[in-house]
């Protein structure tokens, strides 16, 4: 005869309440229109004019979707990847 004992193990939900934002890196040479593009995207999603683009800008584009816009000048090919790495590893 075998004896089976079942133990109730609590299950911990480790999923975050809010999903992380989608990161949009606008990368290009000087004068290509990076700032203009970000300003127009912000105006499209928020219906407000943005006078100056400084740092990452996060907007809510749906009930569960956030978008983060980052302007990254073309200094080198590693610059955009460095910015994305910093955002994903450290957050804002």
PDB file of N, CA and C in Angstrom:
ATOM      1  N   UNK A   1       0.840  -1.163   0.000  1.00  0.00           N
ATOM      2  CA  UNK A   1       0.000   0.000   0.000  1.00  0.00           C
ATOM      3  C   UNK A   1       0.892   1.235   0.000  1.00  0.00           C
ATOM      4  N   UNK A   2       0.567   2.188  -0.879  1.00  0.00           N
ATOM      5  CA  UNK A   2       1.337   3.427  -0.936  1.00  0.00           C
ATOM      6  C   UNK A   2       0.482   4.568  -0.422  1.00  0.00           C
ATOM      7  N   UNK A   3       1.126   5.487   0.175  1.00  0.00           N
ATOM      8  CA  UNK A   3       0.440   6.636   0.753  1.00  0.00           C
ATOM      9  C   UNK A   3       0.854   7.883  -0.018  1.00  0.00           C
ATOM     10  N   UNK A   4      -0.082   8.558  -0.609  1.00  0.00           N
ATOM     11  CA  UNK A   4       0.182   9.792  -1.357  1.00  0.00           C
ATOM     12  C   UNK A   4      -0.309  10.969  -0.533  1.00  0.00           C
ATOM     13  N   UNK A   5       0.583  11.919  -0.349  1.00  0.00           N
ATOM     14  CA  UNK A   5       0.214  13.139   0.360  1.00  0.00           C
ATOM     15  C   UNK A   5       0.445  14.295  -0.607  1.00  0.00           C
ATOM     16  N   UNK A   6      -0.567  15.076  -0.834  1.00  0.00           N
ATOM     17  CA  UNK A   6      -0.465  16.223  -1.723  1.00  0.00           C
ATOM     18  C   UNK A   6      -0.329  17.487  -0.899  1.00  0.00           C
ATOM     19  N   UNK A   7       0.640  18.265  -1.264  1.00  0.00           N
ATOM     20  CA  UNK A   7       0.860  19.537  -0.580  1.00  0.00           C
ATOM     21  C   UNK A   7       0.459  20.669  -1.505  1.00  0.00           C
ATOM     22  N   UNK A   8      -0.197  21.636  -0.961  1.00  0.00           N
ATOM     23  CA  UNK A   8      -0.582  22.811  -1.743  1.00  0.00           C
ATOM     24  C   UNK A   8       0.585  23.792  -1.753  1.00  0.00           C
ATOM     25  N   UNK A   9       1.105  24.039  -2.921  1.00  0.00           N
ATOM     26  CA  UNK A   9       2.209  24.979  -3.069  1.00  0.00           C
ATOM     27  C   UNK A   9       1.634  26.288  -3.610  1.00  0.00           C
ATOM     28  N   UNK A  10       1.864  27.380  -2.894  1.00  0.00           N
ATOM     29  CA  UNK A  10       1.320  28.649  -3.382  1.00  0.00           C
ATOM     30  C   UNK A  10       2.024  29.067  -4.680  1.00  0.00           C
ATOM     31  N   UNK A  11       1.231  29.589  -5.588  1.00  0.00           N
ATOM     32  CA  UNK A  11       1.761  30.057  -6.861  1.00  0.00           C
ATOM     33  C   UNK A  11       1.837  31.574  -6.806  1.00  0.00           C
ATOM     34  N   UNK A  12       3.019  32.098  -7.072  1.00  0.00           N
ATOM     35  CA  UNK A  12       3.226  33.539  -7.032  1.00  0.00           C
ATOM     36  C   UNK A  12       3.219  34.068  -8.462  1.00  0.00           C
ATOM     37  N   UNK A  13       2.377  35.032  -8.707  1.00  0.00           N
ATOM     38  CA  UNK A  13       2.299  35.646 -10.030  1.00  0.00           C
ATOM     39  C   UNK A  13       3.385  36.707 -10.123  1.00  0.00           C
ATOM     40  N   UNK A  14       4.370  36.475 -10.979  1.00  0.00           N
ATOM     41  CA  UNK A  14       5.488  37.409 -11.110  1.00  0.00           C
ATOM     42  C   UNK A  14       5.378  38.287 -12.355  1.00  0.00           C
ATOM     43  N   UNK A  15       4.261  38.214 -13.056  1.00  0.00           N
ATOM     44  CA  UNK A  15       4.107  39.071 -14.229  1.00  0.00           C
ATOM     45  C   UNK A  15       3.844  40.502 -13.776  1.00  0.00           C
ATOM     46  N   UNK A  16       4.440  41.473 -14.458  1.00  0.00           N
ATOM     47  CA  UNK A  16       4.216  42.863 -14.053  1.00  0.00           C
ATOM     48  C   UNK A  16       2.790  43.300 -14.347  1.00  0.00           C
ATOM     49  N   UNK A  17       2.329  44.267 -13.573  1.00  0.00           N
ATOM     50  CA  UNK A  17       0.975  44.775 -13.782  1.00  0.00           C
ATOM     51  C   UNK A  17       0.868  45.515 -15.106  1.00  0.00           C
ATOM     52  N   UNK A  18       1.899  46.256 -15.445  1.00  0.00           N
ATOM     53  CA  UNK A  18       1.922  46.978 -16.707  1.00  0.00           C
ATOM     54  C   UNK A  18       3.037  46.415 -17.577  1.00  0.00           C
ATOM     55  N   UNK A  19       2.758  46.162 -18.838  1.00  0.00           N
ATOM     56  CA  UNK A  19       3.842  45.705 -19.713  1.00  0.00           C
ATOM     57  C   UNK A  19       4.814  46.856 -19.965  1.00  0.00           C
ATOM     58  N   UNK A  20       6.068  46.549 -20.243  1.00  0.00           N
ATOM     59  CA  UNK A  20       7.027  47.622 -20.516  1.00  0.00           C
ATOM     60  C   UNK A  20       6.680  48.351 -21.807  1.00  0.00           C
ATOM     61  N   UNK A  21       7.115  49.594 -21.932  1.00  0.00           N
ATOM     62  CA  UNK A  21       6.769  50.342 -23.143  1.00  0.00           C
ATOM     63  C   UNK A  21       7.555  49.862 -24.358  1.00  0.00           C
ATOM     64  N   UNK A  22       6.990  50.096 -25.529  1.00  0.00           N
ATOM     65  CA  UNK A  22       7.734  49.877 -26.766  1.00  0.00           C
ATOM     66  C   UNK A  22       8.701  51.045 -26.915  1.00  0.00           C
ATOM     67  N   UNK A  23       9.952  50.764 -27.191  1.00  0.00           N
ATOM     68  CA  UNK A  23      10.966  51.809 -27.333  1.00  0.00           C
ATOM     69  C   UNK A  23      11.190  52.069 -28.820  1.00  0.00           C
ATOM     70  N   UNK A  24      11.008  53.336 -29.208  1.00  0.00           N
ATOM     71  CA  UNK A  24      11.225  53.756 -30.590  1.00  0.00           C
ATOM     72  C   UNK A  24      12.434  54.681 -30.599  1.00  0.00           C
ATOM     73  N   UNK A  25      13.539  54.220 -31.200  1.00  0.00           N
ATOM     74  CA  UNK A  25      14.747  55.029 -31.293  1.00  0.00           C
ATOM     75  C   UNK A  25      14.765  55.674 -32.671  1.00  0.00           C
ATOM     76  N   UNK A  26      14.783  56.997 -32.687  1.00  0.00           N
ATOM     77  CA  UNK A  26      14.870  57.747 -33.943  1.00  0.00           C
ATOM     78  C   UNK A  26      16.334  58.119 -34.117  1.00  0.00           C
ATOM     79  N   UNK A  27      16.968  57.532 -35.121  1.00  0.00           N
ATOM     80  CA  UNK A  27      18.410  57.611 -35.299  1.00  0.00           C
ATOM     81  C   UNK A  27      18.712  58.141 -36.689  1.00  0.00           C
ATOM     82  N   UNK A  28      19.644  59.087 -36.797  1.00  0.00           N
ATOM     83  CA  UNK A  28      20.002  59.596 -38.111  1.00  0.00           C
ATOM     84  C   UNK A  28      20.978  60.742 -38.025  1.00  0.00           C
ATOM     85  N   UNK A  29      21.447  61.197 -39.183  1.00  0.00           N
ATOM     86  CA  UNK A  29      22.419  62.292 -39.212  1.00  0.00           C
ATOM     87  C   UNK A  29      21.765  63.619 -38.843  1.00  0.00           C
ATOM     88  N   UNK A  30      22.582  64.621 -38.514  1.00  0.00           N
ATOM     89  CA  UNK A  30      22.038  65.946 -38.193  1.00  0.00           C
ATOM     90  C   UNK A  30      21.259  66.515 -39.378  1.00  0.00           C
ATOM     91  N   UNK A  31      20.121  67.101 -39.091  1.00  0.00           N
ATOM     92  CA  UNK A  31      19.302  67.733 -40.114  1.00  0.00           C
ATOM     93  C   UNK A  31      18.379  66.780 -40.856  1.00  0.00           C
ATOM     94  N   UNK A  32      18.291  65.541 -40.414  1.00  0.00           N
ATOM     95  CA  UNK A  32      17.444  64.558 -41.106  1.00  0.00           C
ATOM     96  C   UNK A  32      15.974  64.665 -40.708  1.00  0.00           C
ATOM     97  N   UNK A  33      15.675  65.364 -39.610  1.00  0.00           N
ATOM     98  CA  UNK A  33      14.288  65.528 -39.186  1.00  0.00           C
ATOM     99  C   UNK A  33      13.897  64.658 -38.011  1.00  0.00           C
ATOM    100  N   UNK A  34      14.860  64.239 -37.207  1.00  0.00           N
ATOM    101  CA  UNK A  34      14.558  63.391 -36.043  1.00  0.00           C
ATOM    102  C   UNK A  34      13.650  64.124 -35.060  1.00  0.00           C
ATOM    103  N   UNK A  35      14.001  65.350 -34.718  1.00  0.00           N
ATOM    104  CA  UNK A  35      13.216  66.123 -33.755  1.00  0.00           C
ATOM    105  C   UNK A  35      11.826  66.425 -34.309  1.00  0.00           C
ATOM    106  N   UNK A  36      11.748  66.758 -35.581  1.00  0.00           N
ATOM    107  CA  UNK A  36      10.456  67.034 -36.202  1.00  0.00           C
ATOM    108  C   UNK A  36       9.567  65.802 -36.181  1.00  0.00           C
ATOM    109  N   UNK A  37      10.145  64.644 -36.472  1.00  0.00           N
ATOM    110  CA  UNK A  37       9.371  63.395 -36.449  1.00  0.00           C
ATOM    111  C   UNK A  37       8.838  63.114 -35.048  1.00  0.00           C
ATOM    112  N   UNK A  38       9.679  63.254 -34.029  1.00  0.00           N
ATOM    113  CA  UNK A  38       9.229  62.988 -32.651  1.00  0.00           C
ATOM    114  C   UNK A  38       8.155  63.989 -32.240  1.00  0.00           C
ATOM    115  N   UNK A  39       8.340  65.264 -32.582  1.00  0.00           N
ATOM    116  CA  UNK A  39       7.329  66.272 -32.242  1.00  0.00           C
ATOM    117  C   UNK A  39       5.985  65.952 -32.887  1.00  0.00           C
ATOM    118  N   UNK A  40       6.011  65.527 -34.146  1.00  0.00           N
ATOM    119  CA  UNK A  40       4.754  65.194 -34.830  1.00  0.00           C
ATOM    120  C   UNK A  40       4.121  63.926 -34.282  1.00  0.00           C
ATOM    121  N   UNK A  41       4.919  62.949 -33.875  1.00  0.00           N
ATOM    122  CA  UNK A  41       4.354  61.743 -33.254  1.00  0.00           C
ATOM    123  C   UNK A  41       3.719  62.059 -31.911  1.00  0.00           C
ATOM    124  N   UNK A  42       4.365  62.913 -31.126  1.00  0.00           N
ATOM    125  CA  UNK A  42       3.796  63.327 -29.828  1.00  0.00           C
ATOM    126  C   UNK A  42       2.481  64.080 -30.068  1.00  0.00           C
ATOM    127  N   UNK A  43       2.472  64.966 -31.066  1.00  0.00           N
ATOM    128  CA  UNK A  43       1.243  65.713 -31.372  1.00  0.00           C
ATOM    129  C   UNK A  43       0.131  64.765 -31.808  1.00  0.00           C
ATOM    130  N   UNK A  44       0.484  63.708 -32.543  1.00  0.00           N
ATOM    131  CA  UNK A  44      -0.518  62.741 -32.997  1.00  0.00           C
ATOM    132  C   UNK A  44      -1.127  61.978 -31.824  1.00  0.00           C
ATOM    133  N   UNK A  45      -0.299  61.528 -30.880  1.00  0.00           N
ATOM    134  CA  UNK A  45      -0.797  60.701 -29.781  1.00  0.00           C
ATOM    135  C   UNK A  45      -1.390  61.513 -28.638  1.00  0.00           C
ATOM    136  N   UNK A  46      -0.858  62.700 -28.354  1.00  0.00           N
ATOM    137  CA  UNK A  46      -1.262  63.444 -27.167  1.00  0.00           C
ATOM    138  C   UNK A  46      -2.080  64.693 -27.499  1.00  0.00           C
ATOM    139  N   UNK A  47      -2.054  65.127 -28.758  1.00  0.00           N
ATOM    140  CA  UNK A  47      -2.735  66.348 -29.188  1.00  0.00           C
ATOM    141  C   UNK A  47      -2.209  67.589 -28.479  1.00  0.00           C
ATOM    142  N   UNK A  48      -0.903  67.598 -28.221  1.00  0.00           N
ATOM    143  CA  UNK A  48      -0.246  68.763 -27.634  1.00  0.00           C
ATOM    144  C   UNK A  48       1.046  69.013 -28.393  1.00  0.00           C
ATOM    145  N   UNK A  49       1.386  70.295 -28.516  1.00  0.00           N
ATOM    146  CA  UNK A  49       2.643  70.649 -29.158  1.00  0.00           C
ATOM    147  C   UNK A  49       3.788  70.514 -28.156  1.00  0.00           C
ATOM    148  N   UNK A  50       4.900  70.045 -28.652  1.00  0.00           N
ATOM    149  CA  UNK A  50       6.096  69.877 -27.832  1.00  0.00           C
ATOM    150  C   UNK A  50       7.125  70.890 -28.294  1.00  0.00           C
ATOM    151  N   UNK A  51       7.579  71.750 -27.384  1.00  0.00           N
ATOM    152  CA  UNK A  51       8.503  72.805 -27.789  1.00  0.00           C
ATOM    153  C   UNK A  51       9.933  72.298 -27.928  1.00  0.00           C
ATOM    154  N   UNK A  52      10.340  71.364 -27.073  1.00  0.00           N
ATOM    155  CA  UNK A  52      11.721  70.893 -27.097  1.00  0.00           C
ATOM    156  C   UNK A  52      11.755  69.416 -26.737  1.00  0.00           C
ATOM    157  N   UNK A  53      12.566  68.662 -27.447  1.00  0.00           N
ATOM    158  CA  UNK A  53      12.714  67.232 -27.173  1.00  0.00           C
ATOM    159  C   UNK A  53      13.949  67.047 -26.301  1.00  0.00           C
ATOM    160  N   UNK A  54      13.732  66.676 -25.052  1.00  0.00           N
ATOM    161  CA  UNK A  54      14.838  66.429 -24.124  1.00  0.00           C
ATOM    162  C   UNK A  54      14.596  65.090 -23.454  1.00  0.00           C
ATOM    163  N   UNK A  55      15.522  64.170 -23.653  1.00  0.00           N
ATOM    164  CA  UNK A  55      15.431  62.865 -23.009  1.00  0.00           C
ATOM    165  C   UNK A  55      14.353  61.996 -23.618  1.00  0.00           C
ATOM    166  N   UNK A  56      14.166  60.832 -23.049  1.00  0.00           N
ATOM    167  CA  UNK A  56      13.117  59.938 -23.546  1.00  0.00           C
ATOM    168  C   UNK A  56      11.728  60.465 -23.177  1.00  0.00           C
ATOM    169  N   UNK A  57      10.787  60.298 -24.110  1.00  0.00           N
ATOM    170  CA  UNK A  57       9.419  60.764 -23.912  1.00  0.00           C
ATOM    171  C   UNK A  57       8.491  59.562 -24.039  1.00  0.00           C
ATOM    172  N   UNK A  58       7.694  59.316 -22.999  1.00  0.00           N
ATOM    173  CA  UNK A  58       6.768  58.190 -22.994  1.00  0.00           C
ATOM    174  C   UNK A  58       5.344  58.700 -23.110  1.00  0.00           C
ATOM    175  N   UNK A  59       4.588  58.119 -24.035  1.00  0.00           N
ATOM    176  CA  UNK A  59       3.179  58.469 -24.215  1.00  0.00           C
ATOM    177  C   UNK A  59       2.340  57.202 -24.125  1.00  0.00           C
ATOM    178  N   UNK A  60       1.094  57.373 -23.743  1.00  0.00           N
ATOM    179  CA  UNK A  60       0.149  56.257 -23.683  1.00  0.00           C
ATOM    180  C   UNK A  60      -0.622  56.251 -24.991  1.00  0.00           C
ATOM    181  N   UNK A  61      -0.537  55.131 -25.717  1.00  0.00           N
ATOM    182  CA  UNK A  61      -1.207  55.064 -27.016  1.00  0.00           C
ATOM    183  C   UNK A  61      -2.396  54.113 -27.019  1.00  0.00           C
ATOM    184  N   UNK A  62      -2.685  53.499 -25.904  1.00  0.00           N
ATOM    185  CA  UNK A  62      -3.827  52.595 -25.786  1.00  0.00           C
ATOM    186  C   UNK A  62      -4.028  52.234 -24.330  1.00  0.00           C
ATOM    187  N   UNK A  63      -4.959  51.340 -24.061  1.00  0.00           N
ATOM    188  CA  UNK A  63      -5.222  50.961 -22.672  1.00  0.00           C
ATOM    189  C   UNK A  63      -4.017  50.290 -22.028  1.00  0.00           C
ATOM    190  N   UNK A  64      -3.311  49.473 -22.793  1.00  0.00           N
ATOM    191  CA  UNK A  64      -2.175  48.751 -22.221  1.00  0.00           C
ATOM    192  C   UNK A  64      -0.887  48.994 -22.992  1.00  0.00           C
ATOM    193  N   UNK A  65      -0.864  49.976 -23.886  1.00  0.00           N
ATOM    194  CA  UNK A  65       0.333  50.198 -24.692  1.00  0.00           C
ATOM    195  C   UNK A  65       0.925  51.571 -24.421  1.00  0.00           C
ATOM    196  N   UNK A  66       2.221  51.569 -24.121  1.00  0.00           N
ATOM    197  CA  UNK A  66       2.963  52.806 -23.962  1.00  0.00           C
ATOM    198  C   UNK A  66       4.088  52.820 -24.993  1.00  0.00           C
ATOM    199  N   UNK A  67       4.394  53.993 -25.503  1.00  0.00           N
ATOM    200  CA  UNK A  67       5.478  54.167 -26.460  1.00  0.00           C
ATOM    201  C   UNK A  67       6.493  55.141 -25.881  1.00  0.00           C
ATOM    202  N   UNK A  68       7.757  54.791 -25.962  1.00  0.00           N
ATOM    203  CA  UNK A  68       8.829  55.672 -25.509  1.00  0.00           C
ATOM    204  C   UNK A  68       9.661  56.065 -26.722  1.00  0.00           C
ATOM    205  N   UNK A  69       9.750  57.365 -26.977  1.00  0.00           N
ATOM    206  CA  UNK A  69      10.520  57.883 -28.101  1.00  0.00           C
ATOM    207  C   UNK A  69      11.855  58.413 -27.585  1.00  0.00           C
ATOM    208  N   UNK A  70      12.926  58.004 -28.268  1.00  0.00           N
ATOM    209  CA  UNK A  70      14.268  58.438 -27.900  1.00  0.00           C
ATOM    210  C   UNK A  70      14.949  58.962 -29.155  1.00  0.00           C
ATOM    211  N   UNK A  71      15.477  60.183 -29.072  1.00  0.00           N
ATOM    212  CA  UNK A  71      16.227  60.746 -30.192  1.00  0.00           C
ATOM    213  C   UNK A  71      17.695  60.412 -29.990  1.00  0.00           C
ATOM    214  N   UNK A  72      18.293  59.810 -30.998  1.00  0.00           N
ATOM    215  CA  UNK A  72      19.676  59.359 -30.896  1.00  0.00           C
ATOM    216  C   UNK A  72      20.449  59.883 -32.104  1.00  0.00           C
ATOM    217  N   UNK A  73      21.364  60.830 -31.895  1.00  0.00           N
ATOM    218  CA  UNK A  73      22.119  61.359 -33.030  1.00  0.00           C
ATOM    219  C   UNK A  73      23.088  60.322 -33.585  1.00  0.00           C
ATOM    220  N   UNK A  74      23.485  60.528 -34.813  1.00  0.00           N
ATOM    221  CA  UNK A  74      24.395  59.583 -35.453  1.00  0.00           C
ATOM    222  C   UNK A  74      25.830  59.966 -35.109  1.00  0.00           C
ATOM    223  N   UNK A  75      26.305  59.448 -33.988  1.00  0.00           N
ATOM    224  CA  UNK A  75      27.685  59.667 -33.581  1.00  0.00           C
ATOM    225  C   UNK A  75      28.508  58.450 -33.948  1.00  0.00           C
ATOM    226  N   UNK A  76      27.895  57.320 -33.898  1.00  0.00           N
ATOM    227  CA  UNK A  76      28.540  56.070 -34.246  1.00  0.00           C
ATOM    228  C   UNK A  76      27.495  54.974 -34.256  1.00  0.00           C
ATOM    229  N   UNK A  77      27.841  53.835 -34.761  1.00  0.00           N
ATOM    230  CA  UNK A  77      26.859  52.754 -34.840  1.00  0.00           C
ATOM    231  C   UNK A  77      26.536  52.182 -33.470  1.00  0.00           C
ATOM    232  N   UNK A  78      27.427  52.347 -32.503  1.00  0.00           N
ATOM    233  CA  UNK A  78      27.192  51.792 -31.171  1.00  0.00           C
ATOM    234  C   UNK A  78      26.289  52.690 -30.335  1.00  0.00           C
ATOM    235  N   UNK A  79      26.048  53.922 -30.750  1.00  0.00           N
ATOM    236  CA  UNK A  79      25.283  54.857 -29.931  1.00  0.00           C
ATOM    237  C   UNK A  79      23.839  54.401 -29.736  1.00  0.00           C
ATOM    238  N   UNK A  80      23.168  54.017 -30.795  1.00  0.00           N
ATOM    239  CA  UNK A  80      21.769  53.597 -30.681  1.00  0.00           C
ATOM    240  C   UNK A  80      21.651  52.331 -29.851  1.00  0.00           C
ATOM    241  N   UNK A  81      22.548  51.384 -30.048  1.00  0.00           N
ATOM    242  CA  UNK A  81      22.480  50.152 -29.266  1.00  0.00           C
ATOM    243  C   UNK A  81      22.784  50.434 -27.797  1.00  0.00           C
ATOM    244  N   UNK A  82      23.667  51.392 -27.515  1.00  0.00           N
ATOM    245  CA  UNK A  82      23.971  51.741 -26.128  1.00  0.00           C
ATOM    246  C   UNK A  82      22.746  52.345 -25.455  1.00  0.00           C
ATOM    247  N   UNK A  83      22.036  53.229 -26.161  1.00  0.00           N
ATOM    248  CA  UNK A  83      20.836  53.854 -25.601  1.00  0.00           C
ATOM    249  C   UNK A  83      19.781  52.801 -25.299  1.00  0.00           C
ATOM    250  N   UNK A  84      19.537  51.896 -26.233  1.00  0.00           N
ATOM    251  CA  UNK A  84      18.534  50.851 -26.026  1.00  0.00           C
ATOM    252  C   UNK A  84      18.950  49.944 -24.875  1.00  0.00           C
ATOM    253  N   UNK A  85      20.219  49.605 -24.782  1.00  0.00           N
ATOM    254  CA  UNK A  85      20.700  48.769 -23.677  1.00  0.00           C
ATOM    255  C   UNK A  85      20.475  49.460 -22.333  1.00  0.00           C
ATOM    256  N   UNK A  86      20.776  50.764 -22.255  1.00  0.00           N
ATOM    257  CA  UNK A  86      20.575  51.500 -20.997  1.00  0.00           C
ATOM    258  C   UNK A  86      19.095  51.538 -20.603  1.00  0.00           C
ATOM    259  N   UNK A  87      18.227  51.708 -21.592  1.00  0.00           N
ATOM    260  CA  UNK A  87      16.794  51.784 -21.313  1.00  0.00           C
ATOM    261  C   UNK A  87      16.280  50.428 -20.808  1.00  0.00           C
ATOM    262  N   UNK A  88      16.679  49.371 -21.503  1.00  0.00           N
ATOM    263  CA  UNK A  88      16.165  48.057 -21.131  1.00  0.00           C
ATOM    264  C   UNK A  88      16.752  47.529 -19.835  1.00  0.00           C
ATOM    265  N   UNK A  89      17.984  47.894 -19.522  1.00  0.00           N
ATOM    266  CA  UNK A  89      18.596  47.352 -18.308  1.00  0.00           C
ATOM    267  C   UNK A  89      18.341  48.204 -17.074  1.00  0.00           C
ATOM    268  N   UNK A  90      18.165  49.507 -17.237  1.00  0.00           N
ATOM    269  CA  UNK A  90      18.010  50.386 -16.066  1.00  0.00           C
ATOM    270  C   UNK A  90      16.656  51.048 -15.991  1.00  0.00           C
ATOM    271  N   UNK A  91      15.946  51.137 -17.081  1.00  0.00           N
ATOM    272  CA  UNK A  91      14.661  51.828 -17.066  1.00  0.00           C
ATOM    273  C   UNK A  91      14.821  53.322 -17.027  1.00  0.00           C
ATOM    274  N   UNK A  92      13.717  54.015 -16.770  1.00  0.00           N
ATOM    275  CA  UNK A  92      13.738  55.489 -16.736  1.00  0.00           C
ATOM    276  C   UNK A  92      13.565  55.958 -15.324  1.00  0.00           C
TER     277      UNK A  92
END
